[in-house]
N, C-alpha and C. Protein backbone atom coordinates (compact mmCIF):
# COMPACT_ATOMS: atom_id res chain seq x y z
N UNK A 1 12.57 16.02 -28.08
CA UNK A 1 11.47 15.65 -27.22
C UNK A 1 12.01 15.42 -25.81
N UNK A 2 11.32 15.94 -24.83
CA UNK A 2 11.72 15.81 -23.44
C UNK A 2 11.11 14.54 -22.86
N UNK A 3 11.96 13.72 -22.26
CA UNK A 3 11.47 12.52 -21.59
C UNK A 3 11.12 12.89 -20.15
N UNK A 4 9.88 12.67 -19.78
CA UNK A 4 9.40 13.08 -18.47
C UNK A 4 9.78 12.06 -17.39
N UNK A 5 9.66 10.82 -17.68
CA UNK A 5 9.97 9.82 -16.68
C UNK A 5 10.18 8.46 -17.31
N UNK A 6 10.70 7.56 -16.51
CA UNK A 6 10.95 6.20 -16.98
C UNK A 6 10.66 5.25 -15.84
N UNK A 7 9.88 4.23 -16.10
CA UNK A 7 9.55 3.23 -15.08
C UNK A 7 10.48 2.05 -15.26
N UNK A 8 11.25 1.77 -14.24
CA UNK A 8 12.19 0.67 -14.27
C UNK A 8 11.67 -0.43 -13.35
N UNK A 9 11.26 -1.53 -13.93
CA UNK A 9 10.67 -2.63 -13.17
C UNK A 9 11.66 -3.18 -12.15
N UNK A 10 12.90 -3.37 -12.55
CA UNK A 10 13.89 -3.92 -11.63
C UNK A 10 14.16 -2.97 -10.47
N UNK A 11 14.24 -1.68 -10.76
CA UNK A 11 14.45 -0.71 -9.68
C UNK A 11 13.26 -0.70 -8.73
N UNK A 12 12.06 -0.83 -9.26
CA UNK A 12 10.87 -0.87 -8.40
C UNK A 12 10.90 -2.11 -7.50
N UNK A 13 11.33 -3.24 -8.04
CA UNK A 13 11.45 -4.46 -7.23
C UNK A 13 12.47 -4.26 -6.12
N UNK A 14 13.60 -3.64 -6.44
CA UNK A 14 14.62 -3.37 -5.43
C UNK A 14 14.09 -2.41 -4.36
N UNK A 15 13.35 -1.41 -4.81
CA UNK A 15 12.77 -0.43 -3.88
C UNK A 15 11.80 -1.12 -2.91
N UNK A 16 10.96 -1.99 -3.44
CA UNK A 16 10.01 -2.71 -2.59
C UNK A 16 10.73 -3.63 -1.61
N UNK A 17 11.80 -4.28 -2.07
CA UNK A 17 12.55 -5.17 -1.18
C UNK A 17 13.23 -4.37 -0.07
N UNK A 18 13.78 -3.20 -0.40
CA UNK A 18 14.38 -2.35 0.62
C UNK A 18 13.34 -1.96 1.67
N UNK A 19 12.13 -1.66 1.22
CA UNK A 19 11.05 -1.30 2.13
C UNK A 19 10.68 -2.48 3.03
N UNK A 20 10.62 -3.68 2.46
CA UNK A 20 10.31 -4.87 3.26
C UNK A 20 11.40 -5.11 4.30
N UNK A 21 12.65 -4.95 3.88
CA UNK A 21 13.77 -5.14 4.80
C UNK A 21 13.70 -4.14 5.96
N UNK A 22 13.36 -2.89 5.64
CA UNK A 22 13.24 -1.88 6.68
C UNK A 22 12.08 -2.21 7.61
N UNK A 23 10.98 -2.68 7.06
CA UNK A 23 9.84 -3.09 7.88
C UNK A 23 10.26 -4.20 8.86
N UNK A 24 11.01 -5.18 8.36
CA UNK A 24 11.48 -6.27 9.22
C UNK A 24 12.37 -5.74 10.33
N UNK A 25 13.29 -4.84 9.99
CA UNK A 25 14.18 -4.27 11.01
C UNK A 25 13.36 -3.51 12.06
N UNK A 26 12.39 -2.72 11.60
CA UNK A 26 11.55 -1.95 12.53
C UNK A 26 10.76 -2.86 13.46
N UNK A 27 10.22 -3.95 12.92
CA UNK A 27 9.47 -4.89 13.75
C UNK A 27 10.38 -5.56 14.79
N UNK A 28 11.53 -6.04 14.34
CA UNK A 28 12.43 -6.75 15.24
C UNK A 28 13.03 -5.84 16.31
N UNK A 29 13.20 -4.56 15.99
CA UNK A 29 13.77 -3.64 16.97
C UNK A 29 12.71 -3.10 17.93
N UNK A 30 11.44 -3.32 17.60
CA UNK A 30 10.37 -2.81 18.44
C UNK A 30 9.99 -1.37 18.13
N UNK A 31 10.54 -0.82 17.03
CA UNK A 31 10.24 0.56 16.65
C UNK A 31 8.77 0.73 16.28
N UNK A 32 8.16 -0.33 15.75
CA UNK A 32 6.74 -0.32 15.41
C UNK A 32 6.13 -1.66 15.79
N UNK A 33 4.84 -1.64 16.06
CA UNK A 33 4.13 -2.90 16.31
C UNK A 33 3.62 -3.42 14.97
N UNK A 34 3.20 -4.66 14.96
CA UNK A 34 2.67 -5.22 13.72
C UNK A 34 1.41 -4.48 13.28
N UNK A 35 0.61 -4.01 14.25
CA UNK A 35 -0.59 -3.24 13.92
C UNK A 35 -0.23 -1.89 13.31
N UNK A 36 0.79 -1.23 13.87
CA UNK A 36 1.23 0.05 13.30
C UNK A 36 1.74 -0.13 11.89
N UNK A 37 2.51 -1.19 11.68
CA UNK A 37 3.07 -1.45 10.36
C UNK A 37 1.96 -1.76 9.35
N UNK A 38 0.98 -2.54 9.77
CA UNK A 38 -0.14 -2.85 8.89
C UNK A 38 -0.89 -1.58 8.52
N UNK A 39 -1.03 -0.68 9.48
CA UNK A 39 -1.71 0.59 9.22
C UNK A 39 -0.90 1.45 8.25
N UNK A 40 0.41 1.52 8.44
CA UNK A 40 1.27 2.32 7.57
C UNK A 40 1.27 1.78 6.14
N UNK A 41 1.29 0.47 6.01
CA UNK A 41 1.41 -0.14 4.69
C UNK A 41 0.07 -0.47 4.05
N UNK A 42 -1.01 -0.29 4.78
CA UNK A 42 -2.32 -0.69 4.27
C UNK A 42 -2.84 0.24 3.18
N UNK A 43 -3.26 -0.34 2.09
CA UNK A 43 -3.82 0.42 0.98
C UNK A 43 -5.15 1.06 1.36
N UNK A 44 -5.99 0.33 2.06
CA UNK A 44 -7.33 0.79 2.35
C UNK A 44 -7.40 1.77 3.52
N UNK A 45 -6.31 1.94 4.25
CA UNK A 45 -6.34 2.86 5.39
C UNK A 45 -6.60 4.30 4.97
N UNK A 46 -6.20 4.65 3.77
CA UNK A 46 -6.41 6.02 3.30
C UNK A 46 -7.77 6.25 2.67
N UNK A 47 -8.55 5.20 2.51
CA UNK A 47 -9.85 5.32 1.86
C UNK A 47 -10.96 5.43 2.90
N UNK A 48 -11.99 6.21 2.61
CA UNK A 48 -13.10 6.38 3.56
C UNK A 48 -14.07 5.20 3.49
N UNK A 49 -13.63 4.03 3.95
CA UNK A 49 -14.42 2.80 3.85
C UNK A 49 -15.75 2.92 4.58
N UNK A 50 -15.77 3.61 5.70
CA UNK A 50 -17.02 3.72 6.47
C UNK A 50 -18.11 4.42 5.68
N UNK A 51 -17.71 5.27 4.74
CA UNK A 51 -18.71 5.97 3.93
C UNK A 51 -19.04 5.21 2.66
N UNK A 52 -18.33 4.12 2.39
CA UNK A 52 -18.56 3.35 1.17
C UNK A 52 -19.89 2.61 1.28
N UNK A 53 -20.51 2.41 0.15
CA UNK A 53 -21.80 1.73 0.13
C UNK A 53 -21.80 0.75 -1.03
N UNK A 54 -22.21 -0.46 -0.76
CA UNK A 54 -22.34 -1.46 -1.81
C UNK A 54 -23.83 -1.72 -1.97
N UNK A 55 -24.28 -1.62 -3.18
CA UNK A 55 -25.71 -1.79 -3.41
C UNK A 55 -25.98 -2.27 -4.82
N UNK A 56 -27.20 -2.08 -5.22
CA UNK A 56 -27.62 -2.50 -6.56
C UNK A 56 -27.85 -1.28 -7.44
N UNK A 57 -27.54 -1.45 -8.67
CA UNK A 57 -27.81 -0.43 -9.66
C UNK A 57 -28.78 -1.06 -10.65
N UNK A 58 -29.99 -0.62 -10.63
CA UNK A 58 -31.01 -1.25 -11.47
C UNK A 58 -31.29 -2.65 -10.96
N UNK A 59 -31.30 -3.63 -11.85
CA UNK A 59 -31.57 -5.00 -11.43
C UNK A 59 -30.30 -5.85 -11.41
N UNK A 60 -29.16 -5.20 -11.62
CA UNK A 60 -27.89 -5.94 -11.67
C UNK A 60 -27.10 -5.66 -10.40
N UNK A 61 -26.72 -6.71 -9.71
CA UNK A 61 -25.91 -6.53 -8.50
C UNK A 61 -24.51 -6.09 -8.89
N UNK A 62 -23.99 -5.14 -8.13
CA UNK A 62 -22.62 -4.69 -8.40
C UNK A 62 -21.72 -5.02 -7.23
């Protein structure tokens, strides 16, 4: 059986910490502004929020 992939929780934590450290270096060096960094790291920046609609379905609020 071929193993396609393996998720390593500890490696993911290290990866995230490396990313945070790089973000800190970039901020302190002036390579990016806090707004640019928030945009780069923001989850919702890639979603079309302006087209999103919150409403009711039947008589139940969603």
